[in-house]
Amino acid sequence: MNNGGPAFPIADSGHGYAFVEGMSMRDYFAAKAMQSLMISDPEFSAEETAELAYCYATEMLKARFM
Protein backbone atom coordinates (compact mmCIF):
# COMPACT_ATOMS: atom_id res chain seq x y z
CA MET A 1 0.00 0.00 0.00
CA ASN A 2 1.23 3.46 -0.85
CA ASN A 3 1.34 5.40 2.44
CA GLY A 4 2.22 8.63 0.67
CA GLY A 5 5.75 8.79 2.02
CA PRO A 6 6.75 10.70 5.13
CA ALA A 7 4.49 13.55 6.20
CA PHE A 8 7.31 15.63 7.66
CA PRO A 9 10.65 14.33 6.37
CA ILE A 10 13.77 15.65 8.05
CA ALA A 11 17.16 15.61 6.34
CA ASP A 12 19.56 13.34 8.21
CA SER A 13 22.45 15.68 9.01
CA GLY A 14 24.85 12.75 9.24
CA HIS A 15 24.34 11.68 5.64
CA GLY A 16 23.12 14.80 3.90
CA TYR A 17 20.82 13.11 1.38
CA ALA A 18 18.95 10.58 3.50
CA PHE A 19 15.67 11.42 5.15
CA VAL A 20 14.49 10.36 8.57
CA GLU A 21 10.96 9.09 8.15
CA GLY A 22 8.35 9.81 10.75
CA MET A 23 4.61 9.58 10.40
CA SER A 24 3.32 8.67 6.95
CA MET A 25 1.00 10.90 4.96
CA ARG A 26 -1.70 8.25 5.45
CA ASP A 27 -1.29 8.45 9.23
CA TYR A 28 -1.38 12.26 9.09
CA PHE A 29 -4.51 12.30 6.95
CA ALA A 30 -6.17 9.72 9.24
CA ALA A 31 -5.36 11.79 12.33
CA LYS A 32 -6.94 14.87 10.77
CA ALA A 33 -10.02 12.92 9.67
CA MET A 34 -10.33 11.31 13.10
CA GLN A 35 -10.53 14.72 14.79
CA SER A 36 -13.52 15.70 12.69
CA LEU A 37 -15.19 12.31 13.10
CA MET A 38 -14.92 12.47 16.89
CA ILE A 39 -16.57 15.89 16.93
CA SER A 40 -19.25 15.23 14.33
CA ASP A 41 -20.42 11.82 15.60
CA PRO A 42 -19.27 10.95 19.12
CA GLU A 43 -21.50 7.84 19.07
CA PHE A 44 -18.92 5.89 17.02
CA SER A 45 -16.72 3.54 19.02
CA ALA A 46 -12.97 4.18 19.00
CA GLU A 47 -12.51 1.22 16.65
CA GLU A 48 -15.17 2.47 14.25
CA THR A 49 -13.73 5.97 14.28
CA ALA A 50 -10.19 4.74 13.59
CA GLU A 51 -11.33 2.45 10.79
CA LEU A 52 -13.36 5.19 9.13
CA ALA A 53 -10.53 7.70 9.53
CA TYR A 54 -8.16 5.38 7.67
CA CYS A 55 -10.77 4.87 4.95
CA TYR A 56 -10.85 8.63 4.46
CA ALA A 57 -7.04 8.78 4.52
CA THR A 58 -6.78 6.08 1.86
CA GLU A 59 -9.22 7.94 -0.39
CA MET A 60 -7.32 11.19 0.15
CA LEU A 61 -4.11 9.49 -0.99
CA LYS A 62 -5.84 8.09 -4.06
CA ALA A 63 -7.05 11.58 -4.97
CA ARG A 64 -3.63 13.07 -4.28
CA PHE A 65 -1.84 10.72 -6.66
CA MET A 66 -4.38 10.83 -9.51
PDB file of N, CA and C in Angstrom:
ATOM      1  N   MET A   1       0.847  -1.187   0.000  1.00  0.00           N
ATOM      2  CA  MET A   1       0.000   0.000   0.000  1.00  0.00           C
ATOM      3  C   MET A   1       0.887   1.242   0.000  1.00  0.00           C
ATOM      4  N   ASN A   2       0.513   2.197  -0.815  1.00  0.00           N
ATOM      5  CA  ASN A   2       1.231   3.462  -0.847  1.00  0.00           C
ATOM      6  C   ASN A   2       0.762   4.316   0.328  1.00  0.00           C
ATOM      7  N   ASN A   3       1.672   4.573   1.274  1.00  0.00           N
ATOM      8  CA  ASN A   3       1.337   5.398   2.437  1.00  0.00           C
ATOM      9  C   ASN A   3       1.619   6.872   2.204  1.00  0.00           C
ATOM     10  N   GLY A   4       2.006   7.231   0.985  1.00  0.00           N
ATOM     11  CA  GLY A   4       2.220   8.634   0.667  1.00  0.00           C
ATOM     12  C   GLY A   4       3.587   9.158   1.026  1.00  0.00           C
ATOM     13  N   GLY A   5       4.432   8.327   1.588  1.00  0.00           N
ATOM     14  CA  GLY A   5       5.745   8.790   2.024  1.00  0.00           C
ATOM     15  C   GLY A   5       5.647   9.512   3.353  1.00  0.00           C
ATOM     16  N   PRO A   6       6.766  10.029   3.836  1.00  0.00           N
ATOM     17  CA  PRO A   6       6.748  10.698   5.132  1.00  0.00           C
ATOM     18  C   PRO A   6       5.982  12.026   5.084  1.00  0.00           C
ATOM     19  N   ALA A   7       5.244  12.298   6.140  1.00  0.00           N
ATOM     20  CA  ALA A   7       4.486  13.553   6.203  1.00  0.00           C
ATOM     21  C   ALA A   7       5.397  14.745   6.460  1.00  0.00           C
ATOM     22  N   PHE A   8       6.401  14.549   7.289  1.00  0.00           N
ATOM     23  CA  PHE A   8       7.307  15.631   7.659  1.00  0.00           C
ATOM     24  C   PHE A   8       8.745  15.126   7.634  1.00  0.00           C
ATOM     25  N   PRO A   9       9.291  14.874   6.432  1.00  0.00           N
ATOM     26  CA  PRO A   9      10.647  14.327   6.369  1.00  0.00           C
ATOM     27  C   PRO A   9      11.677  15.334   6.872  1.00  0.00           C
ATOM     28  N   ILE A  10      12.692  14.821   7.509  1.00  0.00           N
ATOM     29  CA  ILE A  10      13.767  15.648   8.047  1.00  0.00           C
ATOM     30  C   ILE A  10      15.067  15.133   7.452  1.00  0.00           C
ATOM     31  N   ALA A  11      15.873  16.027   6.901  1.00  0.00           N
ATOM     32  CA  ALA A  11      17.156  15.608   6.342  1.00  0.00           C
ATOM     33  C   ALA A  11      18.035  15.086   7.466  1.00  0.00           C
ATOM     34  N   ASP A  12      18.649  13.944   7.240  1.00  0.00           N
ATOM     35  CA  ASP A  12      19.563  13.344   8.208  1.00  0.00           C
ATOM     36  C   ASP A  12      20.896  14.066   8.093  1.00  0.00           C
ATOM     37  N   SER A  13      21.245  14.849   9.083  1.00  0.00           N
ATOM     38  CA  SER A  13      22.450  15.678   9.007  1.00  0.00           C
ATOM     39  C   SER A  13      23.728  14.853   8.906  1.00  0.00           C
ATOM     40  N   GLY A  14      23.671  13.595   9.318  1.00  0.00           N
ATOM     41  CA  GLY A  14      24.852  12.751   9.237  1.00  0.00           C
ATOM     42  C   GLY A  14      25.151  12.268   7.835  1.00  0.00           C
ATOM     43  N   HIS A  15      24.149  12.207   6.984  1.00  0.00           N
ATOM     44  CA  HIS A  15      24.336  11.677   5.637  1.00  0.00           C
ATOM     45  C   HIS A  15      24.023  12.687   4.540  1.00  0.00           C
ATOM     46  N   GLY A  16      23.401  13.749   4.863  1.00  0.00           N
ATOM     47  CA  GLY A  16      23.123  14.803   3.895  1.00  0.00           C
ATOM     48  C   GLY A  16      21.947  14.552   2.970  1.00  0.00           C
ATOM     49  N   TYR A  17      21.861  13.365   2.368  1.00  0.00           N
ATOM     50  CA  TYR A  17      20.820  13.113   1.383  1.00  0.00           C
ATOM     51  C   TYR A  17      19.725  12.180   1.878  1.00  0.00           C
ATOM     52  N   ALA A  18      19.960  11.510   2.970  1.00  0.00           N
ATOM     53  CA  ALA A  18      18.954  10.581   3.502  1.00  0.00           C
ATOM     54  C   ALA A  18      17.909  11.368   4.272  1.00  0.00           C
ATOM     55  N   PHE A  19      16.731  10.799   4.375  1.00  0.00           N
ATOM     56  CA  PHE A  19      15.672  11.423   5.147  1.00  0.00           C
ATOM     57  C   PHE A  19      15.263  10.505   6.284  1.00  0.00           C
ATOM     58  N   VAL A  20      15.000  11.095   7.423  1.00  0.00           N
ATOM     59  CA  VAL A  20      14.486  10.358   8.568  1.00  0.00           C
ATOM     60  C   VAL A  20      12.976  10.356   8.427  1.00  0.00           C
ATOM     61  N   GLU A  21      12.406   9.173   8.334  1.00  0.00           N
ATOM     62  CA  GLU A  21      10.964   9.089   8.155  1.00  0.00           C
ATOM     63  C   GLU A  21      10.259   9.084   9.501  1.00  0.00           C
ATOM     64  N   GLY A  22       9.182   9.802   9.559  1.00  0.00           N
ATOM     65  CA  GLY A  22       8.346   9.807  10.749  1.00  0.00           C
ATOM     66  C   GLY A  22       6.984   9.268  10.367  1.00  0.00           C
ATOM     67  N   MET A  23       5.977   9.969  10.716  1.00  0.00           N
ATOM     68  CA  MET A  23       4.606   9.584  10.395  1.00  0.00           C
ATOM     69  C   MET A  23       4.398   9.641   8.888  1.00  0.00           C
ATOM     70  N   SER A  24       3.619   8.683   8.381  1.00  0.00           N
ATOM     71  CA  SER A  24       3.321   8.673   6.948  1.00  0.00           C
ATOM     72  C   SER A  24       2.211   9.681   6.644  1.00  0.00           C
ATOM     73  N   MET A  25       2.091  10.015   5.370  1.00  0.00           N
ATOM     74  CA  MET A  25       1.001  10.901   4.958  1.00  0.00           C
ATOM     75  C   MET A  25      -0.349  10.262   5.294  1.00  0.00           C
ATOM     76  N   ARG A  26      -0.441   8.943   5.143  1.00  0.00           N
ATOM     77  CA  ARG A  26      -1.699   8.253   5.449  1.00  0.00           C
ATOM     78  C   ARG A  26      -2.044   8.412   6.928  1.00  0.00           C
ATOM     79  N   ASP A  27      -1.043   8.259   7.801  1.00  0.00           N
ATOM     80  CA  ASP A  27      -1.287   8.453   9.235  1.00  0.00           C
ATOM     81  C   ASP A  27      -1.706   9.892   9.531  1.00  0.00           C
ATOM     82  N   TYR A  28      -1.055  10.845   8.875  1.00  0.00           N
ATOM     83  CA  TYR A  28      -1.376  12.255   9.089  1.00  0.00           C
ATOM     84  C   TYR A  28      -2.805  12.565   8.645  1.00  0.00           C
ATOM     85  N   PHE A  29      -3.158  12.080   7.437  1.00  0.00           N
ATOM     86  CA  PHE A  29      -4.514  12.300   6.952  1.00  0.00           C
ATOM     87  C   PHE A  29      -5.543  11.637   7.871  1.00  0.00           C
ATOM     88  N   ALA A  30      -5.243  10.432   8.349  1.00  0.00           N
ATOM     89  CA  ALA A  30      -6.168   9.722   9.243  1.00  0.00           C
ATOM     90  C   ALA A  30      -6.347  10.481  10.550  1.00  0.00           C
ATOM     91  N   ALA A  31      -5.266  11.030  11.079  1.00  0.00           N
ATOM     92  CA  ALA A  31      -5.362  11.785  12.334  1.00  0.00           C
ATOM     93  C   ALA A  31      -6.255  13.011  12.163  1.00  0.00           C
ATOM     94  N   LYS A  32      -6.100  13.693  11.033  1.00  0.00           N
ATOM     95  CA  LYS A  32      -6.942  14.868  10.773  1.00  0.00           C
ATOM     96  C   LYS A  32      -8.409  14.468  10.606  1.00  0.00           C
ATOM     97  N   ALA A  33      -8.645  13.388   9.870  1.00  0.00           N
ATOM     98  CA  ALA A  33     -10.023  12.922   9.675  1.00  0.00           C
ATOM     99  C   ALA A  33     -10.628  12.478  10.998  1.00  0.00           C
ATOM    100  N   MET A  34      -9.835  11.827  11.826  1.00  0.00           N
ATOM    101  CA  MET A  34     -10.331  11.313  13.102  1.00  0.00           C
ATOM    102  C   MET A  34     -10.810  12.449  14.009  1.00  0.00           C
ATOM    103  N   GLN A  35     -10.106  13.567  13.981  1.00  0.00           N
ATOM    104  CA  GLN A  35     -10.527  14.719  14.789  1.00  0.00           C
ATOM    105  C   GLN A  35     -11.939  15.150  14.424  1.00  0.00           C
ATOM    106  N   SER A  36     -12.196  15.273  13.147  1.00  0.00           N
ATOM    107  CA  SER A  36     -13.522  15.697  12.690  1.00  0.00           C
ATOM    108  C   SER A  36     -14.582  14.653  12.996  1.00  0.00           C
ATOM    109  N   LEU A  37     -14.224  13.384  12.813  1.00  0.00           N
ATOM    110  CA  LEU A  37     -15.190  12.314  13.095  1.00  0.00           C
ATOM    111  C   LEU A  37     -15.589  12.287  14.569  1.00  0.00           C
ATOM    112  N   MET A  38     -14.633  12.497  15.447  1.00  0.00           N
ATOM    113  CA  MET A  38     -14.924  12.466  16.887  1.00  0.00           C
ATOM    114  C   MET A  38     -15.855  13.606  17.291  1.00  0.00           C
ATOM    115  N   ILE A  39     -15.718  14.733  16.619  1.00  0.00           N
ATOM    116  CA  ILE A  39     -16.572  15.887  16.931  1.00  0.00           C
ATOM    117  C   ILE A  39     -17.952  15.727  16.310  1.00  0.00           C
ATOM    118  N   SER A  40     -17.981  15.267  15.048  1.00  0.00           N
ATOM    119  CA  SER A  40     -19.254  15.228  14.331  1.00  0.00           C
ATOM    120  C   SER A  40     -20.158  14.079  14.756  1.00  0.00           C
ATOM    121  N   ASP A  41     -19.589  12.951  15.188  1.00  0.00           N
ATOM    122  CA  ASP A  41     -20.415  11.818  15.603  1.00  0.00           C
ATOM    123  C   ASP A  41     -19.763  11.071  16.755  1.00  0.00           C
ATOM    124  N   PRO A  42     -19.916  11.579  17.962  1.00  0.00           N
ATOM    125  CA  PRO A  42     -19.274  10.953  19.122  1.00  0.00           C
ATOM    126  C   PRO A  42     -19.854   9.583  19.490  1.00  0.00           C
ATOM    127  N   GLU A  43     -20.888   9.137  18.783  1.00  0.00           N
ATOM    128  CA  GLU A  43     -21.498   7.837  19.069  1.00  0.00           C
ATOM    129  C   GLU A  43     -20.682   6.669  18.508  1.00  0.00           C
ATOM    130  N   PHE A  44     -19.775   6.952  17.554  1.00  0.00           N
ATOM    131  CA  PHE A  44     -18.922   5.887  17.015  1.00  0.00           C
ATOM    132  C   PHE A  44     -17.991   5.382  18.113  1.00  0.00           C
ATOM    133  N   SER A  45     -17.719   4.076  18.098  1.00  0.00           N
ATOM    134  CA  SER A  45     -16.718   3.541  19.025  1.00  0.00           C
ATOM    135  C   SER A  45     -15.341   3.980  18.538  1.00  0.00           C
ATOM    136  N   ALA A  46     -14.337   3.827  19.382  1.00  0.00           N
ATOM    137  CA  ALA A  46     -12.968   4.181  18.996  1.00  0.00           C
ATOM    138  C   ALA A  46     -12.531   3.365  17.785  1.00  0.00           C
ATOM    139  N   GLU A  47     -12.887   2.089  17.769  1.00  0.00           N
ATOM    140  CA  GLU A  47     -12.506   1.220  16.651  1.00  0.00           C
ATOM    141  C   GLU A  47     -13.166   1.668  15.351  1.00  0.00           C
ATOM    142  N   GLU A  48     -14.451   2.000  15.430  1.00  0.00           N
ATOM    143  CA  GLU A  48     -15.171   2.466  14.247  1.00  0.00           C
ATOM    144  C   GLU A  48     -14.586   3.781  13.739  1.00  0.00           C
ATOM    145  N   THR A  49     -14.280   4.667  14.659  1.00  0.00           N
ATOM    146  CA  THR A  49     -13.728   5.968  14.283  1.00  0.00           C
ATOM    147  C   THR A  49     -12.372   5.799  13.606  1.00  0.00           C
ATOM    148  N   ALA A  50     -11.513   4.962  14.172  1.00  0.00           N
ATOM    149  CA  ALA A  50     -10.186   4.740  13.592  1.00  0.00           C
ATOM    150  C   ALA A  50     -10.295   4.110  12.208  1.00  0.00           C
ATOM    151  N   GLU A  51     -11.160   3.118  12.078  1.00  0.00           N
ATOM    152  CA  GLU A  51     -11.329   2.453  10.790  1.00  0.00           C
ATOM    153  C   GLU A  51     -11.831   3.424   9.725  1.00  0.00           C
ATOM    154  N   LEU A  52     -12.819   4.217  10.073  1.00  0.00           N
ATOM    155  CA  LEU A  52     -13.362   5.187   9.127  1.00  0.00           C
ATOM    156  C   LEU A  52     -12.324   6.263   8.787  1.00  0.00           C
ATOM    157  N   ALA A  53     -11.559   6.689   9.776  1.00  0.00           N
ATOM    158  CA  ALA A  53     -10.526   7.700   9.531  1.00  0.00           C
ATOM    159  C   ALA A  53      -9.509   7.196   8.517  1.00  0.00           C
ATOM    160  N   TYR A  54      -9.112   5.929   8.634  1.00  0.00           N
ATOM    161  CA  TYR A  54      -8.155   5.377   7.672  1.00  0.00           C
ATOM    162  C   TYR A  54      -8.791   5.171   6.303  1.00  0.00           C
ATOM    163  N   CYS A  55     -10.078   4.932   6.247  1.00  0.00           N
ATOM    164  CA  CYS A  55     -10.771   4.867   4.953  1.00  0.00           C
ATOM    165  C   CYS A  55     -10.695   6.228   4.258  1.00  0.00           C
ATOM    166  N   TYR A  56     -10.954   7.284   5.012  1.00  0.00           N
ATOM    167  CA  TYR A  56     -10.850   8.626   4.459  1.00  0.00           C
ATOM    168  C   TYR A  56      -9.412   8.913   4.018  1.00  0.00           C
ATOM    169  N   ALA A  57      -8.450   8.532   4.841  1.00  0.00           N
ATOM    170  CA  ALA A  57      -7.042   8.777   4.516  1.00  0.00           C
ATOM    171  C   ALA A  57      -6.642   8.065   3.229  1.00  0.00           C
ATOM    172  N   THR A  58      -7.091   6.841   3.061  1.00  0.00           N
ATOM    173  CA  THR A  58      -6.778   6.082   1.855  1.00  0.00           C
ATOM    174  C   THR A  58      -7.364   6.765   0.624  1.00  0.00           C
ATOM    175  N   GLU A  59      -8.589   7.233   0.737  1.00  0.00           N
ATOM    176  CA  GLU A  59      -9.222   7.938  -0.388  1.00  0.00           C
ATOM    177  C   GLU A  59      -8.515   9.259  -0.680  1.00  0.00           C
ATOM    178  N   MET A  60      -8.046   9.934   0.350  1.00  0.00           N
ATOM    179  CA  MET A  60      -7.317  11.187   0.147  1.00  0.00           C
ATOM    180  C   MET A  60      -6.010  10.927  -0.606  1.00  0.00           C
ATOM    181  N   LEU A  61      -5.323   9.841  -0.280  1.00  0.00           N
ATOM    182  CA  LEU A  61      -4.107   9.490  -0.992  1.00  0.00           C
ATOM    183  C   LEU A  61      -4.394   9.141  -2.445  1.00  0.00           C
ATOM    184  N   LYS A  62      -5.472   8.419  -2.689  1.00  0.00           N
ATOM    185  CA  LYS A  62      -5.844   8.092  -4.065  1.00  0.00           C
ATOM    186  C   LYS A  62      -6.070   9.382  -4.868  1.00  0.00           C
ATOM    187  N   ALA A  63      -6.783  10.322  -4.293  1.00  0.00           N
ATOM    188  CA  ALA A  63      -7.049  11.582  -4.973  1.00  0.00           C
ATOM    189  C   ALA A  63      -5.769  12.390  -5.169  1.00  0.00           C
ATOM    190  N   ARG A  64      -4.885  12.316  -4.221  1.00  0.00           N
ATOM    191  CA  ARG A  64      -3.629  13.067  -4.283  1.00  0.00           C
ATOM    192  C   ARG A  64      -2.735  12.590  -5.407  1.00  0.00           C
ATOM    193  N   PHE A  65      -2.736  11.285  -5.665  1.00  0.00           N
ATOM    194  CA  PHE A  65      -1.840  10.724  -6.655  1.00  0.00           C
ATOM    195  C   PHE A  65      -2.516  10.441  -8.000  1.00  0.00           C
ATOM    196  N   MET A  66      -3.691  11.012  -8.219  1.00  0.00           N
ATOM    197  CA  MET A  66      -4.377  10.832  -9.509  1.00  0.00           C
ATOM    198  C   MET A  66      -3.689  11.632 -10.583  1.00  0.00           C
TER     199      MET A  66
END
